[in-house]
Protein backbone atom coordinates (compact mmCIF):
# COMPACT_ATOMS: atom_id res chain seq x y z
CA MET A 1 0.00 0.00 0.00
CA LEU A 2 1.11 3.55 -0.72
CA ARG A 3 0.73 5.77 2.33
CA GLY A 4 0.09 9.49 2.47
CA GLU A 5 -0.48 11.53 5.62
CA LYS A 6 -4.18 10.65 5.95
CA VAL A 7 -4.91 8.04 3.29
CA GLY A 8 -3.55 4.90 1.77
CA LEU A 9 -3.84 3.78 -1.84
CA ARG A 10 -4.28 0.05 -2.16
CA ALA A 11 -5.50 -2.54 -4.63
CA ARG A 12 -9.25 -2.76 -5.20
CA HIS A 13 -10.95 -5.40 -3.01
CA ASP A 14 -14.17 -7.18 -3.97
CA ASP A 15 -15.98 -5.65 -0.99
CA ASP A 16 -15.07 -2.12 -2.22
CA ILE A 17 -17.11 -2.58 -5.39
CA PRO A 18 -20.67 -2.34 -3.96
CA ILE A 19 -19.71 0.79 -1.97
CA LEU A 20 -18.07 2.52 -4.94
CA ARG A 21 -21.02 1.56 -7.17
CA ALA A 22 -23.62 2.88 -4.73
CA GLU A 23 -21.84 6.04 -3.59
CA LEU A 24 -19.95 7.16 -6.70
CA TYR A 25 -21.27 5.58 -9.88
CA ASP A 26 -24.99 5.24 -9.09
CA ASP A 27 -25.07 8.96 -8.27
CA VAL A 28 -26.17 10.35 -11.65
CA VAL A 29 -24.92 13.91 -11.09
CA ASN A 30 -21.55 12.91 -9.59
CA SER A 31 -20.92 10.27 -12.22
CA SER A 32 -21.93 12.62 -15.06
CA ARG A 33 -19.47 15.21 -13.78
CA ALA A 34 -16.64 12.68 -13.35
CA GLU A 35 -16.95 10.62 -16.53
CA SER A 36 -16.32 11.68 -20.10
CA GLY A 37 -19.50 10.04 -21.33
CA PRO A 38 -23.17 9.98 -20.38
CA TRP A 39 -24.23 8.26 -17.17
CA ARG A 40 -25.58 4.77 -17.44
CA PRO A 41 -26.37 2.31 -14.65
CA ILE A 42 -23.89 -0.40 -13.75
CA THR A 43 -25.44 -3.83 -13.44
CA PRO A 44 -24.50 -5.60 -10.19
CA GLY A 45 -21.87 -8.21 -10.92
CA SER A 46 -20.82 -6.60 -14.21
CA LYS A 47 -17.15 -6.34 -15.11
CA ASP A 48 -17.39 -2.58 -15.61
CA PRO A 49 -13.81 -1.23 -15.78
CA ARG A 50 -14.64 1.66 -13.45
CA LEU A 51 -15.13 -0.93 -10.70
CA VAL A 52 -13.45 -4.20 -11.61
CA VAL A 53 -9.71 -3.95 -12.15
CA ASP A 54 -8.17 -5.42 -15.28
CA ASP A 55 -4.64 -6.27 -14.14
CA THR A 56 -3.54 -6.71 -17.77
CA ASP A 57 -4.28 -3.06 -18.66
CA GLN A 58 -0.86 -1.38 -18.52
CA GLY A 59 -2.32 2.04 -19.28
CA SER A 60 -4.22 2.44 -16.02
CA VAL A 61 -3.54 1.79 -12.35
CA PRO A 62 -6.72 2.04 -10.26
CA PHE A 63 -6.58 2.26 -6.48
CA SER A 64 -9.05 2.15 -3.64
CA VAL A 65 -8.48 5.03 -1.23
CA VAL A 66 -8.65 4.13 2.46
CA GLU A 67 -8.33 6.12 5.64
CA LEU A 68 -5.05 5.27 7.36
CA GLY A 69 -6.57 5.36 10.84
CA GLY A 70 -8.94 2.45 10.41
CA GLY A 71 -8.81 1.30 6.80
CA THR A 72 -12.26 2.68 5.95
CA LEU A 73 -12.87 3.05 2.21
CA VAL A 74 -13.10 6.76 1.34
CA GLY A 75 -12.92 6.69 -2.46
CA ALA A 76 -11.16 5.66 -5.63
CA ALA A 77 -8.16 7.07 -7.49
CA ALA A 78 -6.22 6.22 -10.61
CA LEU A 79 -3.22 6.97 -12.71
CA TRP A 80 -4.62 6.54 -16.21
CA GLY A 81 -3.62 7.19 -19.79
CA ILE A 82 -0.09 6.12 -18.86
CA ASP A 83 2.23 6.80 -21.78
CA THR A 84 5.56 5.04 -21.24
CA HIS A 85 7.18 6.68 -24.28
CA HIS A 86 6.44 10.26 -23.21
CA ARG A 87 6.56 9.24 -19.52
CA SER A 88 3.27 10.93 -18.71
CA ALA A 89 -0.08 10.06 -17.16
CA HIS A 90 -3.35 11.55 -15.96
CA ILE A 91 -4.68 11.61 -12.40
CA GLY A 92 -8.26 10.83 -11.41
CA VAL A 93 -9.79 11.05 -7.93
CA GLY A 94 -13.30 10.30 -6.64
CA LEU A 95 -14.14 10.61 -2.96
CA LEU A 96 -17.27 9.23 -1.34
CA PRO A 97 -19.70 12.00 -0.33
CA SER A 98 -19.10 11.39 3.40
CA SER A 99 -15.33 11.77 2.87
CA ARG A 100 -15.32 15.10 1.08
CA GLY A 101 -14.09 18.27 2.79
CA LYS A 102 -11.67 16.44 5.10
CA GLY A 103 -8.42 17.12 3.26
CA TYR A 104 -8.23 13.67 1.71
CA GLY A 105 -8.11 15.05 -1.85
CA VAL A 106 -4.83 16.90 -1.31
CA ASP A 107 -3.31 13.78 0.21
CA VAL A 108 -4.59 11.49 -2.57
CA VAL A 109 -3.10 13.74 -5.25
CA ALA A 110 0.20 13.90 -3.34
CA THR A 111 0.31 10.12 -3.03
CA LEU A 112 -0.47 9.68 -6.73
CA CYS A 113 2.36 12.13 -7.52
CA HIS A 114 4.73 10.02 -5.42
CA TYR A 115 3.59 6.91 -7.25
CA GLY A 116 3.85 8.52 -10.68
CA PHE A 117 7.18 10.28 -10.23
CA ILE A 118 9.06 7.98 -7.83
CA VAL A 119 7.63 4.51 -8.38
CA ARG A 120 6.83 4.81 -12.12
CA GLY A 121 9.57 7.28 -13.13
CA LEU A 122 7.17 9.55 -15.02
CA HIS A 123 8.10 13.04 -16.20
CA ARG A 124 4.65 14.70 -16.33
CA LEU A 125 1.32 14.30 -14.59
CA GLN A 126 -1.86 15.95 -15.80
CA ILE A 127 -5.32 16.63 -14.40
CA GLU A 128 -8.44 17.68 -16.29
CA THR A 129 -11.37 18.84 -14.19
CA LEU A 130 -14.50 20.92 -14.52
CA SER A 131 -13.83 24.60 -13.89
CA ASP A 132 -16.29 24.66 -10.96
CA ASN A 133 -14.64 21.70 -9.19
CA THR A 134 -12.93 23.87 -6.61
CA ALA A 135 -11.97 20.91 -4.41
CA MET A 136 -9.99 19.23 -7.20
CA LEU A 137 -8.46 22.52 -8.36
CA ARG A 138 -7.35 23.24 -4.78
CA SER A 139 -5.98 19.70 -4.30
CA ALA A 140 -4.00 19.95 -7.54
CA GLU A 141 -2.62 23.42 -6.92
CA ARG A 142 -1.61 22.65 -3.33
CA ASN A 143 0.52 19.87 -4.81
CA GLY A 144 2.21 22.20 -7.30
CA PHE A 145 0.06 21.65 -10.40
CA VAL A 146 -0.10 24.67 -12.70
CA ARG A 147 -3.15 25.73 -14.68
CA GLU A 148 -2.10 25.35 -18.29
CA GLY A 149 -5.34 26.17 -20.01
CA VAL A 150 -9.10 26.21 -20.13
CA LEU A 151 -10.99 24.08 -22.60
CA ARG A 152 -14.00 26.30 -23.17
CA ALA A 153 -17.42 24.59 -23.21
CA SER A 154 -15.75 21.21 -23.79
CA ALA A 155 -17.74 19.01 -21.41
CA TRP A 156 -21.42 18.16 -21.86
CA VAL A 157 -22.74 17.64 -18.33
CA MET A 158 -26.37 17.25 -17.35
CA GLY A 159 -27.76 19.36 -20.20
CA GLU A 160 -25.12 22.08 -20.49
CA PHE A 161 -21.61 22.66 -21.76
CA LEU A 162 -19.03 23.39 -19.05
CA ASP A 163 -15.43 24.56 -19.19
CA GLU A 164 -12.63 22.20 -18.21
CA VAL A 165 -9.33 23.26 -16.65
CA LEU A 166 -6.11 21.53 -17.68
CA LEU A 167 -3.40 21.35 -15.02
CA GLY A 168 0.08 19.90 -15.30
CA LEU A 169 3.03 19.10 -13.08
CA LEU A 170 6.54 18.21 -14.21
CA VAL A 171 8.78 16.06 -12.04
CA GLN A 172 11.38 18.85 -11.72
CA ASP A 173 8.69 21.20 -10.33
CA TRP A 174 7.26 18.66 -7.89
CA LYS A 175 7.93 19.29 -4.23
CA PRO A 176 7.36 16.09 -2.26
CA ASP A 177 7.27 18.11 0.95
CA SER A 178 4.28 20.19 -0.21
CA PRO A 179 1.03 19.79 1.78
CA GLY A 180 0.14 16.12 1.66
CA GLY A 181 3.32 15.37 -0.25
CA THR A 182 4.90 12.95 2.20
CA ALA A 183 3.68 9.77 0.56
CA ARG A 184 5.70 6.65 1.15
CA ALA A 185 5.50 3.06 0.08
């Protein structure tokens, strides 16, 4: 398990799946804001890649996010779109509603940075998020990510086009001692 200050990133367990389905993916608004496509229900027992890990997929590393204090599941995170030639990847984070606003997001991003830069040897990490997702913007910027652009009206979400913000962080600009940046294996 990768350990941050407050959270750990570990492999997905079978008993995580019903919680993530119910609290993240069955929530139409949350799922519509987090996914790049329209919401659709996930059938119980399906092998949906948002829930069930395909260990043969080298382009994505999904994690379950747990609280370090007691191991309680607090969300999901991933390094995805991993490009080994350009040594880059994207970061994705989804926290359960009861776990939001507790500083876990900053720590999850920091731990994913540690994984991407130290464990995987990547050069660049990138985050795309809706422009009104202040929690993700704050978590990214507190870890040193820089706003590189706005994709105007690029996301169709619940009947309207929304702007997306593109943030990037290069390994040479990363400060592992930034808030939440003390991840360790």
